[in-house]
Amino acid sequence: MPASEPHQIATHSPHPTGAPLSTEAAAQALRNGPTGAFAVAGIAVGVIFIAWLVFYFLLFIPRGAIG
């Protein structure tokens, strides 16, 4: 974009910024669901659970019972 052209952000544009989406394409996108988000969340929960097990077996168990 040349420097002489004024810059306009999409939120202030009166025109749509994306191409129109067909009904079939929208239905296909919704049919697939958020599988990537579920995968990321599952990996995060797995990492946290493994970290908890490491703390439990390497930190809490060797110290013995309290009292």
PDB file of N, CA and C in Angstrom:
ATOM      1  N   MET A   1       0.853  -1.165   0.000  1.00  0.00           N
ATOM      2  CA  MET A   1       0.000   0.000   0.000  1.00  0.00           C
ATOM      3  C   MET A   1       0.903   1.234   0.000  1.00  0.00           C
ATOM      4  N   PRO A   2       0.661   2.131  -0.939  1.00  0.00           N
ATOM      5  CA  PRO A   2       1.465   3.357  -0.974  1.00  0.00           C
ATOM      6  C   PRO A   2       1.224   4.214   0.262  1.00  0.00           C
ATOM      7  N   ALA A   3       2.205   4.999   0.615  1.00  0.00           N
ATOM      8  CA  ALA A   3       2.120   5.852   1.799  1.00  0.00           C
ATOM      9  C   ALA A   3       1.060   6.937   1.639  1.00  0.00           C
ATOM     10  N   SER A   4       0.717   7.283   0.400  1.00  0.00           N
ATOM     11  CA  SER A   4      -0.275   8.332   0.178  1.00  0.00           C
ATOM     12  C   SER A   4      -1.697   7.855   0.454  1.00  0.00           C
ATOM     13  N   GLU A   5      -1.928   6.530   0.425  1.00  0.00           N
ATOM     14  CA  GLU A   5      -3.261   5.993   0.704  1.00  0.00           C
ATOM     15  C   GLU A   5      -3.511   5.966   2.205  1.00  0.00           C
ATOM     16  N   PRO A   6      -4.679   6.428   2.646  1.00  0.00           N
ATOM     17  CA  PRO A   6      -4.957   6.351   4.083  1.00  0.00           C
ATOM     18  C   PRO A   6      -5.208   4.906   4.509  1.00  0.00           C
ATOM     19  N   HIS A   7      -4.715   4.566   5.669  1.00  0.00           N
ATOM     20  CA  HIS A   7      -4.878   3.215   6.200  1.00  0.00           C
ATOM     21  C   HIS A   7      -6.227   3.131   6.911  1.00  0.00           C
ATOM     22  N   GLN A   8      -6.978   2.081   6.619  1.00  0.00           N
ATOM     23  CA  GLN A   8      -8.279   1.905   7.242  1.00  0.00           C
ATOM     24  C   GLN A   8      -8.340   0.503   7.830  1.00  0.00           C
ATOM     25  N   ILE A   9      -8.683   0.394   9.115  1.00  0.00           N
ATOM     26  CA  ILE A   9      -8.765  -0.908   9.736  1.00  0.00           C
ATOM     27  C   ILE A   9     -10.133  -1.523   9.455  1.00  0.00           C
ATOM     28  N   ALA A  10     -10.239  -2.830   9.593  1.00  0.00           N
ATOM     29  CA  ALA A  10     -11.442  -3.556   9.207  1.00  0.00           C
ATOM     30  C   ALA A  10     -12.648  -3.196  10.070  1.00  0.00           C
ATOM     31  N   THR A  11     -12.445  -2.836  11.320  1.00  0.00           N
ATOM     32  CA  THR A  11     -13.584  -2.548  12.178  1.00  0.00           C
ATOM     33  C   THR A  11     -14.306  -1.271  11.775  1.00  0.00           C
ATOM     34  N   HIS A  12     -13.605  -0.370  11.078  1.00  0.00           N
ATOM     35  CA  HIS A  12     -14.235   0.868  10.640  1.00  0.00           C
ATOM     36  C   HIS A  12     -14.650   0.813   9.178  1.00  0.00           C
ATOM     37  N   SER A  13     -14.496  -0.324   8.548  1.00  0.00           N
ATOM     38  CA  SER A  13     -14.842  -0.453   7.140  1.00  0.00           C
ATOM     39  C   SER A  13     -16.327  -0.748   6.983  1.00  0.00           C
ATOM     40  N   PRO A  14     -17.009  -0.051   6.097  1.00  0.00           N
ATOM     41  CA  PRO A  14     -18.431  -0.350   5.883  1.00  0.00           C
ATOM     42  C   PRO A  14     -18.635  -1.613   5.051  1.00  0.00           C
ATOM     43  N   HIS A  15     -17.578  -2.128   4.443  1.00  0.00           N
ATOM     44  CA  HIS A  15     -17.676  -3.303   3.589  1.00  0.00           C
ATOM     45  C   HIS A  15     -17.239  -4.554   4.355  1.00  0.00           C
ATOM     46  N   PRO A  16     -17.810  -5.699   4.021  1.00  0.00           N
ATOM     47  CA  PRO A  16     -17.358  -6.932   4.685  1.00  0.00           C
ATOM     48  C   PRO A  16     -15.893  -7.222   4.358  1.00  0.00           C
ATOM     49  N   THR A  17     -15.176  -7.763   5.330  1.00  0.00           N
ATOM     50  CA  THR A  17     -13.745  -7.990   5.122  1.00  0.00           C
ATOM     51  C   THR A  17     -13.449  -9.358   4.536  1.00  0.00           C
ATOM     52  N   GLY A  18     -14.305 -10.338   4.764  1.00  0.00           N
ATOM     53  CA  GLY A  18     -14.066 -11.678   4.254  1.00  0.00           C
ATOM     54  C   GLY A  18     -15.003 -12.007   3.110  1.00  0.00           C
ATOM     55  N   ALA A  19     -14.644 -13.056   2.395  1.00  0.00           N
ATOM     56  CA  ALA A  19     -15.513 -13.516   1.313  1.00  0.00           C
ATOM     57  C   ALA A  19     -16.768 -14.144   1.911  1.00  0.00           C
ATOM     58  N   PRO A  20     -17.888 -14.046   1.223  1.00  0.00           N
ATOM     59  CA  PRO A  20     -19.101 -14.671   1.747  1.00  0.00           C
ATOM     60  C   PRO A  20     -18.922 -16.180   1.870  1.00  0.00           C
ATOM     61  N   LEU A  21     -19.493 -16.746   2.900  1.00  0.00           N
ATOM     62  CA  LEU A  21     -19.368 -18.168   3.182  1.00  0.00           C
ATOM     63  C   LEU A  21     -20.666 -18.856   2.787  1.00  0.00           C
ATOM     64  N   SER A  22     -20.542 -19.911   2.014  1.00  0.00           N
ATOM     65  CA  SER A  22     -21.746 -20.631   1.599  1.00  0.00           C
ATOM     66  C   SER A  22     -22.321 -21.414   2.771  1.00  0.00           C
ATOM     67  N   THR A  23     -23.573 -21.771   2.658  1.00  0.00           N
ATOM     68  CA  THR A  23     -24.240 -22.535   3.710  1.00  0.00           C
ATOM     69  C   THR A  23     -23.589 -23.896   3.893  1.00  0.00           C
ATOM     70  N   GLU A  24     -23.198 -24.506   2.781  1.00  0.00           N
ATOM     71  CA  GLU A  24     -22.555 -25.823   2.849  1.00  0.00           C
ATOM     72  C   GLU A  24     -21.199 -25.746   3.554  1.00  0.00           C
ATOM     73  N   ALA A  25     -20.431 -24.705   3.266  1.00  0.00           N
ATOM     74  CA  ALA A  25     -19.118 -24.552   3.904  1.00  0.00           C
ATOM     75  C   ALA A  25     -19.271 -24.292   5.399  1.00  0.00           C
ATOM     76  N   ALA A  26     -20.277 -23.498   5.772  1.00  0.00           N
ATOM     77  CA  ALA A  26     -20.515 -23.234   7.191  1.00  0.00           C
ATOM     78  C   ALA A  26     -20.960 -24.500   7.913  1.00  0.00           C
ATOM     79  N   ALA A  27     -21.824 -25.278   7.282  1.00  0.00           N
ATOM     80  CA  ALA A  27     -22.286 -26.532   7.887  1.00  0.00           C
ATOM     81  C   ALA A  27     -21.133 -27.517   8.039  1.00  0.00           C
ATOM     82  N   GLN A  28     -20.226 -27.580   7.057  1.00  0.00           N
ATOM     83  CA  GLN A  28     -19.067 -28.469   7.144  1.00  0.00           C
ATOM     84  C   GLN A  28     -18.136 -28.046   8.268  1.00  0.00           C
ATOM     85  N   ALA A  29     -17.917 -26.754   8.431  1.00  0.00           N
ATOM     86  CA  ALA A  29     -17.052 -26.269   9.502  1.00  0.00           C
ATOM     87  C   ALA A  29     -17.649 -26.588  10.869  1.00  0.00           C
ATOM     88  N   LEU A  30     -18.943 -26.455  11.002  1.00  0.00           N
ATOM     89  CA  LEU A  30     -19.584 -26.760  12.278  1.00  0.00           C
ATOM     90  C   LEU A  30     -19.683 -28.261  12.524  1.00  0.00           C
ATOM     91  N   ARG A  31     -19.765 -29.039  11.467  1.00  0.00           N
ATOM     92  CA  ARG A  31     -19.857 -30.490  11.598  1.00  0.00           C
ATOM     93  C   ARG A  31     -18.565 -31.085  12.164  1.00  0.00           C
ATOM     94  N   ASN A  32     -17.433 -30.526  11.764  1.00  0.00           N
ATOM     95  CA  ASN A  32     -16.141 -31.041  12.241  1.00  0.00           C
ATOM     96  C   ASN A  32     -15.919 -30.756  13.712  1.00  0.00           C
ATOM     97  N   GLY A  33     -16.429 -29.664  14.201  1.00  0.00           N
ATOM     98  CA  GLY A  33     -16.289 -29.341  15.611  1.00  0.00           C
ATOM     99  C   GLY A  33     -14.902 -28.850  15.976  1.00  0.00           C
ATOM    100  N   PRO A  34     -14.723 -28.545  17.236  1.00  0.00           N
ATOM    101  CA  PRO A  34     -13.444 -27.998  17.701  1.00  0.00           C
ATOM    102  C   PRO A  34     -12.453 -29.095  18.100  1.00  0.00           C
ATOM    103  N   THR A  35     -12.100 -29.973  17.178  1.00  0.00           N
ATOM    104  CA  THR A  35     -11.218 -31.092  17.520  1.00  0.00           C
ATOM    105  C   THR A  35      -9.829 -30.618  17.926  1.00  0.00           C
ATOM    106  N   GLY A  36      -9.337 -29.572  17.302  1.00  0.00           N
ATOM    107  CA  GLY A  36      -8.019 -29.054  17.666  1.00  0.00           C
ATOM    108  C   GLY A  36      -7.996 -28.495  19.076  1.00  0.00           C
ATOM    109  N   ALA A  37      -9.051 -27.805  19.464  1.00  0.00           N
ATOM    110  CA  ALA A  37      -9.130 -27.259  20.820  1.00  0.00           C
ATOM    111  C   ALA A  37      -9.196 -28.386  21.845  1.00  0.00           C
ATOM    112  N   PHE A  38      -9.947 -29.436  21.527  1.00  0.00           N
ATOM    113  CA  PHE A  38     -10.007 -30.584  22.441  1.00  0.00           C
ATOM    114  C   PHE A  38      -8.643 -31.272  22.553  1.00  0.00           C
ATOM    115  N   ALA A  39      -7.916 -31.350  21.459  1.00  0.00           N
ATOM    116  CA  ALA A  39      -6.589 -31.963  21.491  1.00  0.00           C
ATOM    117  C   ALA A  39      -5.628 -31.149  22.353  1.00  0.00           C
ATOM    118  N   VAL A  40      -5.628 -29.850  22.175  1.00  0.00           N
ATOM    119  CA  VAL A  40      -4.745 -28.984  22.972  1.00  0.00           C
ATOM    120  C   VAL A  40      -5.112 -29.067  24.453  1.00  0.00           C
ATOM    121  N   ALA A  41      -6.412 -29.047  24.754  1.00  0.00           N
ATOM    122  CA  ALA A  41      -6.846 -29.134  26.152  1.00  0.00           C
ATOM    123  C   ALA A  41      -6.480 -30.489  26.748  1.00  0.00           C
ATOM    124  N   GLY A  42      -6.636 -31.550  25.982  1.00  0.00           N
ATOM    125  CA  GLY A  42      -6.276 -32.878  26.477  1.00  0.00           C
ATOM    126  C   GLY A  42      -4.784 -33.001  26.759  1.00  0.00           C
ATOM    127  N   ILE A  43      -3.967 -32.458  25.881  1.00  0.00           N
ATOM    128  CA  ILE A  43      -2.516 -32.491  26.093  1.00  0.00           C
ATOM    129  C   ILE A  43      -2.150 -31.683  27.329  1.00  0.00           C
ATOM    130  N   ALA A  44      -2.772 -30.516  27.505  1.00  0.00           N
ATOM    131  CA  ALA A  44      -2.478 -29.681  28.673  1.00  0.00           C
ATOM    132  C   ALA A  44      -2.865 -30.390  29.963  1.00  0.00           C
ATOM    133  N   VAL A  45      -4.029 -31.019  29.988  1.00  0.00           N
ATOM    134  CA  VAL A  45      -4.458 -31.755  31.184  1.00  0.00           C
ATOM    135  C   VAL A  45      -3.516 -32.925  31.448  1.00  0.00           C
ATOM    136  N   GLY A  46      -3.091 -33.619  30.401  1.00  0.00           N
ATOM    137  CA  GLY A  46      -2.152 -34.726  30.571  1.00  0.00           C
ATOM    138  C   GLY A  46      -0.821 -34.278  31.150  1.00  0.00           C
ATOM    139  N   VAL A  47      -0.305 -33.168  30.672  1.00  0.00           N
ATOM    140  CA  VAL A  47       0.972 -32.644  31.185  1.00  0.00           C
ATOM    141  C   VAL A  47       0.834 -32.244  32.653  1.00  0.00           C
ATOM    142  N   ILE A  48      -0.265 -31.593  33.003  1.00  0.00           N
ATOM    143  CA  ILE A  48      -0.483 -31.195  34.395  1.00  0.00           C
ATOM    144  C   ILE A  48      -0.623 -32.420  35.290  1.00  0.00           C
ATOM    145  N   PHE A  49      -1.320 -33.445  34.822  1.00  0.00           N
ATOM    146  CA  PHE A  49      -1.489 -34.666  35.610  1.00  0.00           C
ATOM    147  C   PHE A  49      -0.153 -35.380  35.816  1.00  0.00           C
ATOM    148  N   ILE A  50       0.657 -35.459  34.775  1.00  0.00           N
ATOM    149  CA  ILE A  50       1.978 -36.084  34.906  1.00  0.00           C
ATOM    150  C   ILE A  50       2.852 -35.286  35.870  1.00  0.00           C
ATOM    151  N   ALA A  51       2.799 -33.955  35.795  1.00  0.00           N
ATOM    152  CA  ALA A  51       3.568 -33.132  36.732  1.00  0.00           C
ATOM    153  C   ALA A  51       3.097 -33.365  38.160  1.00  0.00           C
ATOM    154  N   TRP A  52       1.797 -33.520  38.373  1.00  0.00           N
ATOM    155  CA  TRP A  52       1.271 -33.795  39.708  1.00  0.00           C
ATOM    156  C   TRP A  52       1.772 -35.149  40.216  1.00  0.00           C
ATOM    157  N   LEU A  53       1.779 -36.159  39.350  1.00  0.00           N
ATOM    158  CA  LEU A  53       2.286 -37.476  39.756  1.00  0.00           C
ATOM    159  C   LEU A  53       3.767 -37.407  40.125  1.00  0.00           C
ATOM    160  N   VAL A  54       4.538 -36.646  39.361  1.00  0.00           N
ATOM    161  CA  VAL A  54       5.970 -36.496  39.663  1.00  0.00           C
ATOM    162  C   VAL A  54       6.148 -35.851  41.032  1.00  0.00           C
ATOM    163  N   PHE A  55       5.414 -34.779  41.298  1.00  0.00           N
ATOM    164  CA  PHE A  55       5.489 -34.150  42.617  1.00  0.00           C
ATOM    165  C   PHE A  55       5.063 -35.121  43.713  1.00  0.00           C
ATOM    166  N   TYR A  56       4.021 -35.859  43.471  1.00  0.00           N
ATOM    167  CA  TYR A  56       3.500 -36.767  44.493  1.00  0.00           C
ATOM    168  C   TYR A  56       4.518 -37.845  44.842  1.00  0.00           C
ATOM    169  N   PHE A  57       5.046 -38.512  43.825  1.00  0.00           N
ATOM    170  CA  PHE A  57       5.942 -39.640  44.091  1.00  0.00           C
ATOM    171  C   PHE A  57       7.365 -39.229  44.440  1.00  0.00           C
ATOM    172  N   LEU A  58       7.827 -38.087  43.957  1.00  0.00           N
ATOM    173  CA  LEU A  58       9.197 -37.684  44.235  1.00  0.00           C
ATOM    174  C   LEU A  58       9.327 -36.682  45.377  1.00  0.00           C
ATOM    175  N   LEU A  59       8.231 -36.056  45.800  1.00  0.00           N
ATOM    176  CA  LEU A  59       8.316 -35.046  46.830  1.00  0.00           C
ATOM    177  C   LEU A  59       7.518 -35.435  48.066  1.00  0.00           C
ATOM    178  N   PHE A  60       6.279 -35.840  47.904  1.00  0.00           N
ATOM    179  CA  PHE A  60       5.418 -36.111  49.058  1.00  0.00           C
ATOM    180  C   PHE A  60       5.634 -37.490  49.669  1.00  0.00           C
ATOM    181  N   ILE A  61       5.692 -38.526  48.850  1.00  0.00           N
ATOM    182  CA  ILE A  61       5.845 -39.883  49.364  1.00  0.00           C
ATOM    183  C   ILE A  61       7.161 -40.078  50.116  1.00  0.00           C
ATOM    184  N   PRO A  62       8.313 -39.605  49.614  1.00  0.00           N
ATOM    185  CA  PRO A  62       9.551 -39.806  50.360  1.00  0.00           C
ATOM    186  C   PRO A  62       9.580 -39.120  51.723  1.00  0.00           C
ATOM    187  N   ARG A  63       8.798 -38.094  51.949  1.00  0.00           N
ATOM    188  CA  ARG A  63       8.800 -37.396  53.235  1.00  0.00           C
ATOM    189  C   ARG A  63       8.051 -38.180  54.294  1.00  0.00           C
ATOM    190  N   GLY A  64       7.192 -39.078  53.902  1.00  0.00           N
ATOM    191  CA  GLY A  64       6.478 -39.905  54.888  1.00  0.00           C
ATOM    192  C   GLY A  64       5.202 -39.244  55.390  1.00  0.00           C
ATOM    193  N   ALA A  65       4.598 -39.905  56.360  1.00  0.00           N
ATOM    194  CA  ALA A  65       3.340 -39.426  56.909  1.00  0.00           C
ATOM    195  C   ALA A  65       3.548 -38.228  57.814  1.00  0.00           C
ATOM    196  N   ILE A  66       2.573 -37.373  57.875  1.00  0.00           N
ATOM    197  CA  ILE A  66       2.618 -36.209  58.763  1.00  0.00           C
ATOM    198  C   ILE A  66       1.985 -36.607  60.106  1.00  0.00           C
ATOM    199  N   GLY A  67       2.664 -36.261  61.192  1.00  0.00           N
ATOM    200  CA  GLY A  67       2.085 -36.501  62.515  1.00  0.00           C
ATOM    201  C   GLY A  67       2.687 -37.619  63.154  1.00  0.00           C
TER     202      GLY A  67
END
